[in-house]
C-alpha atoms as a PDB file:
ATOM      1  CA  UNK A   1     118.626  91.632  99.060  1.00  0.00           C
ATOM      2  CA  UNK A   2     115.998  89.083  98.013  1.00  0.00           C
ATOM      3  CA  UNK A   3     114.377  88.710  94.604  1.00  0.00           C
ATOM      4  CA  UNK A   4     111.892  86.313  93.025  1.00  0.00           C
ATOM      5  CA  UNK A   5     111.751  86.193  89.237  1.00  0.00           C
ATOM      6  CA  UNK A   6     108.880  84.821  87.126  1.00  0.00           C
ATOM      7  CA  UNK A   7     107.709  82.323  89.736  1.00  0.00           C
ATOM      8  CA  UNK A   8     105.229  79.692  88.527  1.00  0.00           C
ATOM      9  CA  UNK A   9     103.477  77.045  90.622  1.00  0.00           C
ATOM     10  CA  UNK A  10     100.810  74.610  89.444  1.00  0.00           C
ATOM     11  CA  UNK A  11      98.553  72.266  91.373  1.00  0.00           C
ATOM     12  CA  UNK A  12      97.309  69.926  88.685  1.00  0.00           C
ATOM     13  CA  UNK A  13      95.412  72.090  86.191  1.00  0.00           C
ATOM     14  CA  UNK A  14      95.263  75.081  88.538  1.00  0.00           C
ATOM     15  CA  UNK A  15      97.854  77.815  88.156  1.00  0.00           C
ATOM     16  CA  UNK A  16      98.512  79.088  91.694  1.00  0.00           C
ATOM     17  CA  UNK A  17     101.347  81.435  90.676  1.00  0.00           C
ATOM     18  CA  UNK A  18     101.486  82.902  87.195  1.00  0.00           C
ATOM     19  CA  UNK A  19     104.905  84.454  86.625  1.00  0.00           C
ATOM     20  CA  UNK A  20     105.123  86.490  89.845  1.00  0.00           C
ATOM     21  CA  UNK A  21     108.224  88.616  90.489  1.00  0.00           C
ATOM     22  CA  UNK A  22     109.171  90.692  93.517  1.00  0.00           C
ATOM     23  CA  UNK A  23     112.202  92.214  95.184  1.00  0.00           C
ATOM     24  CA  UNK A  24     113.017  93.224  98.758  1.00  0.00           C
ATOM     25  CA  UNK A  25     115.653  95.835  99.583  1.00  0.00           C
ATOM     26  CA  UNK A  26     117.652  95.899 102.827  1.00  0.00           C
ATOM     27  CA  UNK A  27     115.438  97.215 105.630  1.00  0.00           C
ATOM     28  CA  UNK A  28     112.334  97.341 103.430  1.00  0.00           C
ATOM     29  CA  UNK A  29     108.852  96.208 104.499  1.00  0.00           C
ATOM     30  CA  UNK A  30     106.990  94.643 101.552  1.00  0.00           C
ATOM     31  CA  UNK A  31     103.350  93.544 101.787  1.00  0.00           C
ATOM     32  CA  UNK A  32     101.709  90.868  99.654  1.00  0.00           C
ATOM     33  CA  UNK A  33      98.053  91.912  99.750  1.00  0.00           C
ATOM     34  CA  UNK A  34      95.199  89.837  98.410  1.00  0.00           C
ATOM     35  CA  UNK A  35      92.252  87.580  99.276  1.00  0.00           C
ATOM     36  CA  UNK A  36      92.394  83.841  99.942  1.00  0.00           C
ATOM     37  CA  UNK A  37      93.373  82.057  96.742  1.00  0.00           C
ATOM     38  CA  UNK A  38      95.378  84.992  95.377  1.00  0.00           C
ATOM     39  CA  UNK A  39      98.627  83.005  95.464  1.00  0.00           C
ATOM     40  CA  UNK A  40     100.362  84.941  98.207  1.00  0.00           C
ATOM     41  CA  UNK A  41     100.490  82.026 100.663  1.00  0.00           C
ATOM     42  CA  UNK A  42     101.851  79.759  97.931  1.00  0.00           C
ATOM     43  CA  UNK A  43     104.653  82.248  97.290  1.00  0.00           C
ATOM     44  CA  UNK A  44     105.286  82.444 101.047  1.00  0.00           C
ATOM     45  CA  UNK A  45     105.505  78.645 101.249  1.00  0.00           C
ATOM     46  CA  UNK A  46     108.036  78.525  98.410  1.00  0.00           C
ATOM     47  CA  UNK A  47     110.233  81.147 100.075  1.00  0.00           C
ATOM     48  CA  UNK A  48     109.912  79.311 103.408  1.00  0.00           C
ATOM     49  CA  UNK A  49     111.132  76.108 101.759  1.00  0.00           C
ATOM     50  CA  UNK A  50     107.876  74.192 102.213  1.00  0.00           C
ATOM     51  CA  UNK A  51     107.089  73.904  98.489  1.00  0.00           C
ATOM     52  CA  UNK A  52     109.102  73.947  95.290  1.00  0.00           C
ATOM     53  CA  UNK A  53     108.242  76.168  92.329  1.00  0.00           C
ATOM     54  CA  UNK A  54     107.703  74.712  88.857  1.00  0.00           C
ATOM     55  CA  UNK A  55     109.455  77.658  87.227  1.00  0.00           C
ATOM     56  CA  UNK A  56     111.288  80.794  88.287  1.00  0.00           C
ATOM     57  CA  UNK A  57     114.394  81.939  90.146  1.00  0.00           C
ATOM     58  CA  UNK A  58     115.237  83.082  93.660  1.00  0.00           C
ATOM     59  CA  UNK A  59     118.180  85.437  94.139  1.00  0.00           C
ATOM     60  CA  UNK A  60     119.827  86.382  97.418  1.00  0.00           C
ATOM     61  CA  UNK A  61     122.174  89.372  97.166  1.00  0.00           C
ATOM     62  CA  UNK A  62     122.088  88.955  93.404  1.00  0.00           C
ATOM     63  CA  UNK A  63     123.165  85.318  93.382  1.00  0.00           C
ATOM     64  CA  UNK A  64     120.821  82.594  92.143  1.00  0.00           C
ATOM     65  CA  UNK A  65     119.972  80.225  94.987  1.00  0.00           C
ATOM     66  CA  UNK A  66     117.294  77.749  96.013  1.00  0.00           C
ATOM     67  CA  UNK A  67     114.750  78.032  98.800  1.00  0.00           C
ATOM     68  CA  UNK A  68     116.413  75.224 100.759  1.00  0.00           C
ATOM     69  CA  UNK A  69     119.991  76.502 100.354  1.00  0.00           C
ATOM     70  CA  UNK A  70     121.684  76.933 103.770  1.00  0.00           C
ATOM     71  CA  UNK A  71     122.738  80.509 102.998  1.00  0.00           C
ATOM     72  CA  UNK A  72     119.099  81.525 102.467  1.00  0.00           C
ATOM     73  CA  UNK A  73     117.735  79.426 105.334  1.00  0.00           C
ATOM     74  CA  UNK A  74     120.096  81.173 107.765  1.00  0.00           C
ATOM     75  CA  UNK A  75     119.031  84.583 106.426  1.00  0.00           C
ATOM     76  CA  UNK A  76     115.294  83.997 106.889  1.00  0.00           C
ATOM     77  CA  UNK A  77     113.114  84.085 109.983  1.00  0.00           C
ATOM     78  CA  UNK A  78     109.632  82.641 109.423  1.00  0.00           C
ATOM     79  CA  UNK A  79     106.421  83.379 111.341  1.00  0.00           C
ATOM     80  CA  UNK A  80     103.594  81.113 110.201  1.00  0.00           C
ATOM     81  CA  UNK A  81      99.902  81.950 110.335  1.00  0.00           C
ATOM     82  CA  UNK A  82      99.051  78.761 112.236  1.00  0.00           C
ATOM     83  CA  UNK A  83     100.442  78.405 115.773  1.00  0.00           C
ATOM     84  CA  UNK A  84     103.648  76.343 115.862  1.00  0.00           C
ATOM     85  CA  UNK A  85     104.821  76.731 119.452  1.00  0.00           C
ATOM     86  CA  UNK A  86     105.137  73.757 121.821  1.00  0.00           C
ATOM     87  CA  UNK A  87     102.546  74.417 124.516  1.00  0.00           C
ATOM     88  CA  UNK A  88     104.169  71.986 126.964  1.00  0.00           C
ATOM     89  CA  UNK A  89     107.456  73.905 126.919  1.00  0.00           C
ATOM     90  CA  UNK A  90     108.091  77.267 128.539  1.00  0.00           C
ATOM     91  CA  UNK A  91     108.626  80.423 126.496  1.00  0.00           C
ATOM     92  CA  UNK A  92     112.371  80.279 127.148  1.00  0.00           C
ATOM     93  CA  UNK A  93     112.565  76.593 126.186  1.00  0.00           C
ATOM     94  CA  UNK A  94     110.752  77.263 122.888  1.00  0.00           C
ATOM     95  CA  UNK A  95     113.285  79.962 122.033  1.00  0.00           C
ATOM     96  CA  UNK A  96     116.392  77.980 122.957  1.00  0.00           C
ATOM     97  CA  UNK A  97     115.115  74.933 121.064  1.00  0.00           C
ATOM     98  CA  UNK A  98     114.520  77.010 117.923  1.00  0.00           C
ATOM     99  CA  UNK A  99     117.987  78.578 118.140  1.00  0.00           C
ATOM    100  CA  UNK A 100     119.548  75.136 118.419  1.00  0.00           C
ATOM    101  CA  UNK A 101     117.956  74.104 115.122  1.00  0.00           C
ATOM    102  CA  UNK A 102     119.933  76.912 113.487  1.00  0.00           C
ATOM    103  CA  UNK A 103     123.175  75.872 115.173  1.00  0.00           C
ATOM    104  CA  UNK A 104     123.227  78.652 117.761  1.00  0.00           C
ATOM    105  CA  UNK A 105     125.339  77.769 120.796  1.00  0.00           C
ATOM    106  CA  UNK A 106     123.193  77.004 123.876  1.00  0.00           C
ATOM    107  CA  UNK A 107     124.846  79.630 126.065  1.00  0.00           C
ATOM    108  CA  UNK A 108     124.450  82.301 123.377  1.00  0.00           C
ATOM    109  CA  UNK A 109     120.840  81.201 122.802  1.00  0.00           C
ATOM    110  CA  UNK A 110     119.963  81.713 126.483  1.00  0.00           C
ATOM    111  CA  UNK A 111     121.410  85.238 126.418  1.00  0.00           C
ATOM    112  CA  UNK A 112     119.551  86.044 123.185  1.00  0.00           C
ATOM    113  CA  UNK A 113     116.309  84.611 124.615  1.00  0.00           C
ATOM    114  CA  UNK A 114     116.554  86.783 127.730  1.00  0.00           C
ATOM    115  CA  UNK A 115     117.069  89.899 125.613  1.00  0.00           C
ATOM    116  CA  UNK A 116     114.164  89.157 123.272  1.00  0.00           C
ATOM    117  CA  UNK A 117     111.753  88.179 126.046  1.00  0.00           C
ATOM    118  CA  UNK A 118     112.411  91.520 127.697  1.00  0.00           C
ATOM    119  CA  UNK A 119     111.863  93.312 124.384  1.00  0.00           C
ATOM    120  CA  UNK A 120     108.319  91.909 124.059  1.00  0.00           C
ATOM    121  CA  UNK A 121     107.442  92.253 127.765  1.00  0.00           C
ATOM    122  CA  UNK A 122     107.396  88.515 128.482  1.00  0.00           C
ATOM    123  CA  UNK A 123     110.207  88.339 131.034  1.00  0.00           C
ATOM    124  CA  UNK A 124     107.836  87.601 133.911  1.00  0.00           C
ATOM    125  CA  UNK A 125     106.330  84.676 131.946  1.00  0.00           C
ATOM    126  CA  UNK A 126     109.597  83.327 130.540  1.00  0.00           C
ATOM    127  CA  UNK A 127     109.450  80.044 132.445  1.00  0.00           C
ATOM    128  CA  UNK A 128     105.694  79.462 132.213  1.00  0.00           C
ATOM    129  CA  UNK A 129     104.222  76.880 129.882  1.00  0.00           C
ATOM    130  CA  UNK A 130     103.142  78.440 126.595  1.00  0.00           C
ATOM    131  CA  UNK A 131      99.772  76.654 126.832  1.00  0.00           C
ATOM    132  CA  UNK A 132      98.828  79.183 129.530  1.00  0.00           C
ATOM    133  CA  UNK A 133      99.526  82.235 127.304  1.00  0.00           C
ATOM    134  CA  UNK A 134      96.943  84.472 125.651  1.00  0.00           C
ATOM    135  CA  UNK A 135      96.754  84.730 121.852  1.00  0.00           C
ATOM    136  CA  UNK A 136      98.628  88.019 121.820  1.00  0.00           C
ATOM    137  CA  UNK A 137     101.407  86.667 124.038  1.00  0.00           C
ATOM    138  CA  UNK A 138     101.813  83.601 121.822  1.00  0.00           C
ATOM    139  CA  UNK A 139     102.046  85.800 118.734  1.00  0.00           C
ATOM    140  CA  UNK A 140     104.778  87.935 120.300  1.00  0.00           C
ATOM    141  CA  UNK A 141     106.636  84.779 121.276  1.00  0.00           C
ATOM    142  CA  UNK A 142     106.327  83.418 117.721  1.00  0.00           C
ATOM    143  CA  UNK A 143     107.831  86.673 116.471  1.00  0.00           C
ATOM    144  CA  UNK A 144     110.899  86.591 118.682  1.00  0.00           C
ATOM    145  CA  UNK A 145     111.401  82.872 118.088  1.00  0.00           C
ATOM    146  CA  UNK A 146     111.929  83.732 114.417  1.00  0.00           C
ATOM    147  CA  UNK A 147     114.608  86.225 115.510  1.00  0.00           C
ATOM    148  CA  UNK A 148     116.696  83.872 117.642  1.00  0.00           C
ATOM    149  CA  UNK A 149     119.297  83.239 114.900  1.00  0.00           C
ATOM    150  CA  UNK A 150     119.447  86.954 113.948  1.00  0.00           C
ATOM    151  CA  UNK A 151     117.960  86.688 110.434  1.00  0.00           C
ATOM    152  CA  UNK A 152     118.219  89.436 107.824  1.00  0.00           C
ATOM    153  CA  UNK A 153     114.692  88.921 106.457  1.00  0.00           C
ATOM    154  CA  UNK A 154     111.423  88.082 108.204  1.00  0.00           C
ATOM    155  CA  UNK A 155     108.656  86.216 106.377  1.00  0.00           C
ATOM    156  CA  UNK A 156     105.338  86.864 108.146  1.00  0.00           C
ATOM    157  CA  UNK A 157     102.142  85.062 107.164  1.00  0.00           C
ATOM    158  CA  UNK A 158      99.098  86.983 108.467  1.00  0.00           C
ATOM    159  CA  UNK A 159     101.119  88.128 111.521  1.00  0.00           C
ATOM    160  CA  UNK A 160      98.144  89.544 113.444  1.00  0.00           C
ATOM    161  CA  UNK A 161      95.535  86.945 112.544  1.00  0.00           C
ATOM    162  CA  UNK A 162      92.995  86.492 115.341  1.00  0.00           C
ATOM    163  CA  UNK A 163      94.403  89.254 117.558  1.00  0.00           C
ATOM    164  CA  UNK A 164      92.335  91.949 119.221  1.00  0.00           C
ATOM    165  CA  UNK A 165      93.042  95.595 118.416  1.00  0.00           C
ATOM    166  CA  UNK A 166      95.373  96.149 121.374  1.00  0.00           C
ATOM    167  CA  UNK A 167      97.479  93.083 120.539  1.00  0.00           C
ATOM    168  CA  UNK A 168      97.477  94.045 116.852  1.00  0.00           C
ATOM    169  CA  UNK A 169      98.936  97.454 117.684  1.00  0.00           C
ATOM    170  CA  UNK A 170     101.481  95.978 120.074  1.00  0.00           C
ATOM    171  CA  UNK A 171     102.767  93.433 117.546  1.00  0.00           C
ATOM    172  CA  UNK A 172     103.107  96.102 114.863  1.00  0.00           C
ATOM    173  CA  UNK A 173     104.873  98.492 117.232  1.00  0.00           C
ATOM    174  CA  UNK A 174     107.439  95.768 117.828  1.00  0.00           C
ATOM    175  CA  UNK A 175     107.779  94.969 114.130  1.00  0.00           C
ATOM    176  CA  UNK A 176     108.335  98.630 113.276  1.00  0.00           C
ATOM    177  CA  UNK A 177     110.869  98.954 116.088  1.00  0.00           C
ATOM    178  CA  UNK A 178     112.726  95.905 114.817  1.00  0.00           C
ATOM    179  CA  UNK A 179     112.721  97.247 111.285  1.00  0.00           C
ATOM    180  CA  UNK A 180     113.950 100.672 112.353  1.00  0.00           C
ATOM    181  CA  UNK A 181     116.702  99.703 114.773  1.00  0.00           C
ATOM    182  CA  UNK A 182     117.995  96.420 113.322  1.00  0.00           C
ATOM    183  CA  UNK A 183     117.179  97.083 109.652  1.00  0.00           C
ATOM    184  CA  UNK A 184     115.509  93.685 109.261  1.00  0.00           C
ATOM    185  CA  UNK A 185     113.687  93.382 105.939  1.00  0.00           C
ATOM    186  CA  UNK A 186     110.132  92.017 106.016  1.00  0.00           C
ATOM    187  CA  UNK A 187     107.758  90.265 103.636  1.00  0.00           C
ATOM    188  CA  UNK A 188     104.244  90.477 105.098  1.00  0.00           C
ATOM    189  CA  UNK A 189     101.495  88.251 103.680  1.00  0.00           C
ATOM    190  CA  UNK A 190      98.111  89.743 104.552  1.00  0.00           C
ATOM    191  CA  UNK A 191      94.510  90.260 103.475  1.00  0.00           C
ATOM    192  CA  UNK A 192      94.217  93.339 105.718  1.00  0.00           C
ATOM    193  CA  UNK A 193      94.521  96.643 103.889  1.00  0.00           C
ATOM    194  CA  UNK A 194      95.344  98.491 107.129  1.00  0.00           C
ATOM    195  CA  UNK A 195      98.248  96.095 107.736  1.00  0.00           C
ATOM    196  CA  UNK A 196      99.573  96.523 104.196  1.00  0.00           C
ATOM    197  CA  UNK A 197      99.489 100.315 104.611  1.00  0.00           C
ATOM    198  CA  UNK A 198     102.115  99.990 107.360  1.00  0.00           C
ATOM    199  CA  UNK A 199     104.605  98.692 104.791  1.00  0.00           C
ATOM    200  CA  UNK A 200     106.941 100.623 102.493  1.00  0.00           C
ATOM    201  CA  UNK A 201     105.720  98.899  99.340  1.00  0.00           C
ATOM    202  CA  UNK A 202     102.628  96.867  98.506  1.00  0.00           C
ATOM    203  CA  UNK A 203     102.204  94.137  95.898  1.00  0.00           C
ATOM    204  CA  UNK A 204      98.530  93.431  95.221  1.00  0.00           C
ATOM    205  CA  UNK A 205      97.887  89.866  94.094  1.00  0.00           C
ATOM    206  CA  UNK A 206      94.829  88.182  92.650  1.00  0.00           C
ATOM    207  CA  UNK A 207      94.308  84.828  90.955  1.00  0.00           C
ATOM    208  CA  UNK A 208      98.009  83.988  91.068  1.00  0.00           C
ATOM    209  CA  UNK A 209      99.143  87.207  89.420  1.00  0.00           C
ATOM    210  CA  UNK A 210     100.654  90.489  90.523  1.00  0.00           C
ATOM    211  CA  UNK A 211      98.100  93.126  89.443  1.00  0.00           C
ATOM    212  CA  UNK A 212      99.519  96.307  91.014  1.00  0.00           C
ATOM    213  CA  UNK A 213     102.613  97.489  92.854  1.00  0.00           C
ATOM    214  CA  UNK A 214     103.708 100.682  94.577  1.00  0.00           C
ATOM    215  CA  UNK A 215     103.846 102.536  97.852  1.00  0.00           C
ATOM    216  CA  UNK A 216     100.536 102.741  99.738  1.00  0.00           C
ATOM    217  CA  UNK A 217     100.310 106.424  98.789  1.00  0.00           C
ATOM    218  CA  UNK A 218     100.947 105.731  95.098  1.00  0.00           C
ATOM    219  CA  UNK A 219      98.298 103.019  94.963  1.00  0.00           C
ATOM    220  CA  UNK A 220      95.662 105.048  96.814  1.00  0.00           C
ATOM    221  CA  UNK A 221      96.351 108.036  94.553  1.00  0.00           C
ATOM    222  CA  UNK A 222      94.709 106.015  91.751  1.00  0.00           C
ATOM    223  CA  UNK A 223      91.393 106.796  93.405  1.00  0.00           C
ATOM    224  CA  UNK A 224      90.621 110.487  93.142  1.00  0.00           C
ATOM    225  CA  UNK A 225      88.240 112.146  95.578  1.00  0.00           C
ATOM    226  CA  UNK A 226      86.620 110.958  98.802  1.00  0.00           C
ATOM    227  CA  UNK A 227      84.538 107.874  99.403  1.00  0.00           C
ATOM    228  CA  UNK A 228      80.963 108.481 100.511  1.00  0.00           C
ATOM    229  CA  UNK A 229      79.177 105.451 101.937  1.00  0.00           C
ATOM    230  CA  UNK A 230      75.424 105.446 102.474  1.00  0.00           C
ATOM    231  CA  UNK A 231      73.884 102.718 104.612  1.00  0.00           C
ATOM    232  CA  UNK A 232      70.241 101.724 104.477  1.00  0.00           C
ATOM    233  CA  UNK A 233      67.961  98.923 103.414  1.00  0.00           C
ATOM    234  CA  UNK A 234      66.377  99.528 100.043  1.00  0.00           C
ATOM    235  CA  UNK A 235      68.915 102.099  98.782  1.00  0.00           C
ATOM    236  CA  UNK A 236      69.464  99.924  95.701  1.00  0.00           C
ATOM    237  CA  UNK A 237      66.063 101.063  94.408  1.00  0.00           C
ATOM    238  CA  UNK A 238      67.259 104.683  94.325  1.00  0.00           C
ATOM    239  CA  UNK A 239      70.409 104.331  92.190  1.00  0.00           C
ATOM    240  CA  UNK A 240      69.090 106.802  89.612  1.00  0.00           C
ATOM    241  CA  UNK A 241      68.291 109.437  92.250  1.00  0.00           C
ATOM    242  CA  UNK A 242      71.721 109.146  93.861  1.00  0.00           C
ATOM    243  CA  UNK A 243      73.439 109.313  90.471  1.00  0.00           C
ATOM    244  CA  UNK A 244      71.440 112.373  89.397  1.00  0.00           C
ATOM    245  CA  UNK A 245      72.228 114.271  92.599  1.00  0.00           C
ATOM    246  CA  UNK A 246      75.907 113.285  92.871  1.00  0.00           C
ATOM    247  CA  UNK A 247      76.852 113.124  89.209  1.00  0.00           C
ATOM    248  CA  UNK A 248      78.636 109.768  89.661  1.00  0.00           C
ATOM    249  CA  UNK A 249      77.541 106.154  89.370  1.00  0.00           C
ATOM    250  CA  UNK A 250      77.155 104.544  92.830  1.00  0.00           C
ATOM    251  CA  UNK A 251      78.400 101.039  93.592  1.00  0.00           C
ATOM    252  CA  UNK A 252      76.225  98.657  95.572  1.00  0.00           C
ATOM    253  CA  UNK A 253      77.734  97.330  98.824  1.00  0.00           C
ATOM    254  CA  UNK A 254      76.570  94.870 101.471  1.00  0.00           C
ATOM    255  CA  UNK A 255      75.052  97.727 103.476  1.00  0.00           C
ATOM    256  CA  UNK A 256      73.955 100.239 100.849  1.00  0.00           C
ATOM    257  CA  UNK A 257      75.769 102.377  98.272  1.00  0.00           C
ATOM    258  CA  UNK A 258      79.288 103.779  97.839  1.00  0.00           C
ATOM    259  CA  UNK A 259      80.271 106.804  95.737  1.00  0.00           C
ATOM    260  CA  UNK A 260      83.687 108.229  94.883  1.00  0.00           C
ATOM    261  CA  UNK A 261      83.645 111.966  94.237  1.00  0.00           C
ATOM    262  CA  UNK A 262      85.252 115.296  95.080  1.00  0.00           C
ATOM    263  CA  UNK A 263      83.428 117.664  97.415  1.00  0.00           C
ATOM    264  CA  UNK A 264      81.331 114.849  98.847  1.00  0.00           C
ATOM    265  CA  UNK A 265      80.471 116.910 101.928  1.00  0.00           C
ATOM    266  CA  UNK A 266      78.507 119.300  99.684  1.00  0.00           C
ATOM    267  CA  UNK A 267      76.471 116.467  98.168  1.00  0.00           C
ATOM    268  CA  UNK A 268      75.315 114.894 101.427  1.00  0.00           C
ATOM    269  CA  UNK A 269      72.620 117.528 102.298  1.00  0.00           C
ATOM    270  CA  UNK A 270      71.174 117.327  98.781  1.00  0.00           C
ATOM    271  CA  UNK A 271      70.996 113.546  98.951  1.00  0.00           C
ATOM    272  CA  UNK A 272      69.170 113.709 102.282  1.00  0.00           C
ATOM    273  CA  UNK A 273      66.616 116.072 100.729  1.00  0.00           C
ATOM    274  CA  UNK A 274      65.968 113.936  97.635  1.00  0.00           C
ATOM    275  CA  UNK A 275      65.873 110.501  99.283  1.00  0.00           C
ATOM    276  CA  UNK A 276      62.846 109.346 101.345  1.00  0.00           C
ATOM    277  CA  UNK A 277      63.077 110.263 105.052  1.00  0.00           C
ATOM    278  CA  UNK A 278      64.591 107.504 107.163  1.00  0.00           C
ATOM    279  CA  UNK A 279      65.936 105.526 104.186  1.00  0.00           C
ATOM    280  CA  UNK A 280      69.581 106.384 104.944  1.00  0.00           C
ATOM    281  CA  UNK A 281      70.520 105.056 108.386  1.00  0.00           C
ATOM    282  CA  UNK A 282      74.228 106.040 108.376  1.00  0.00           C
ATOM    283  CA  UNK A 283      76.624 108.177 106.340  1.00  0.00           C
ATOM    284  CA  UNK A 284      80.392 107.680 106.242  1.00  0.00           C
ATOM    285  CA  UNK A 285      82.869 109.989 104.521  1.00  0.00           C
ATOM    286  CA  UNK A 286      86.467 108.767 104.342  1.00  0.00           C
ATOM    287  CA  UNK A 287      89.686 108.651 102.368  1.00  0.00           C
ATOM    288  CA  UNK A 288      90.332 105.665 100.047  1.00  0.00           C
ATOM    289  CA  UNK A 289      92.124 102.596 101.421  1.00  0.00           C
ATOM    290  CA  UNK A 290      94.099  99.842  99.730  1.00  0.00           C
ATOM    291  CA  UNK A 291      90.954  97.739 100.038  1.00  0.00           C
ATOM    292  CA  UNK A 292      89.202 100.273  97.815  1.00  0.00           C
ATOM    293  CA  UNK A 293      92.073 100.024  95.329  1.00  0.00           C
ATOM    294  CA  UNK A 294      91.576  96.254  95.226  1.00  0.00           C
ATOM    295  CA  UNK A 295      87.863  96.733  94.535  1.00  0.00           C
ATOM    296  CA  UNK A 296      88.662  99.110  91.678  1.00  0.00           C
ATOM    297  CA  UNK A 297      91.153  96.638  90.166  1.00  0.00           C
ATOM    298  CA  UNK A 298      89.070  93.478  90.517  1.00  0.00           C
ATOM    299  CA  UNK A 299      85.450  94.462  91.193  1.00  0.00           C
ATOM    300  CA  UNK A 300      85.578  92.353  94.367  1.00  0.00           C
ATOM    301  CA  UNK A 301      86.231  93.071  98.024  1.00  0.00           C
ATOM    302  CA  UNK A 302      89.008  91.764 100.236  1.00  0.00           C
ATOM    303  CA  UNK A 303      87.911  89.656 103.172  1.00  0.00           C
ATOM    304  CA  UNK A 304      86.515  91.774 105.986  1.00  0.00           C
ATOM    305  CA  UNK A 305      89.063  93.098 108.449  1.00  0.00           C
ATOM    306  CA  UNK A 306      88.667  91.435 111.872  1.00  0.00           C
END
């Protein structure tokens, strides 16, 4: 449905995008995962028509087009990271205004607004000023505003930024419902590995380049074994002991040490015997995440999940 080929963007001497390509199939959820400065927001801005690329092509249904072509603009719904609602208008007024910018008839826009407000449980606040809404309510309103003209593809820039866990889950439940029942494709820009794992395919970006691509399962399969995390001040002085007991080289973290190995549950008692009493304050055993894949690829961590 949508494809980007060999996209390049420069800001002076800095190469923000270095030949990035991606494709989005009908009904597919694609995540662009990476830290700040990876280039994902630049790519988002180009697709949203806010910036122009120096090189590269955009195709919509196989035909070469530009980011500001009307056929592509009508097909895209955009949810920005920064709030863009008018706080002095009501929820309903924000929706009808947005629909009008896409040429939707006013009567049809009011019907569409009523349907979407009900979908995100905002019917009882439809005529209240948006300035009185909570962060989660505003985010849900931003989402349905992008749907007022019935787009085929949603571009979402950090869609759950700043939300608490309950609001995060609610927004994603609505996104997954939309994807399932209306077959809307999605491009999700995020630094959250847990958010990227909700998508069908993940493109990991760093320093303006695409460094890995695949389903969440395919990418995590690159890391064999479990991840054993040991927390405790001063663990860095016992790297040799941990390596001798476990048979693998530990990696230093902000809170202690991390090891990737099979049968980690068998190693934990031996480590507790060989390390000084009280040194280890917490032990975590878990499956790898996409954040761990990023660390393996780059040697650096993604920003901490809120």
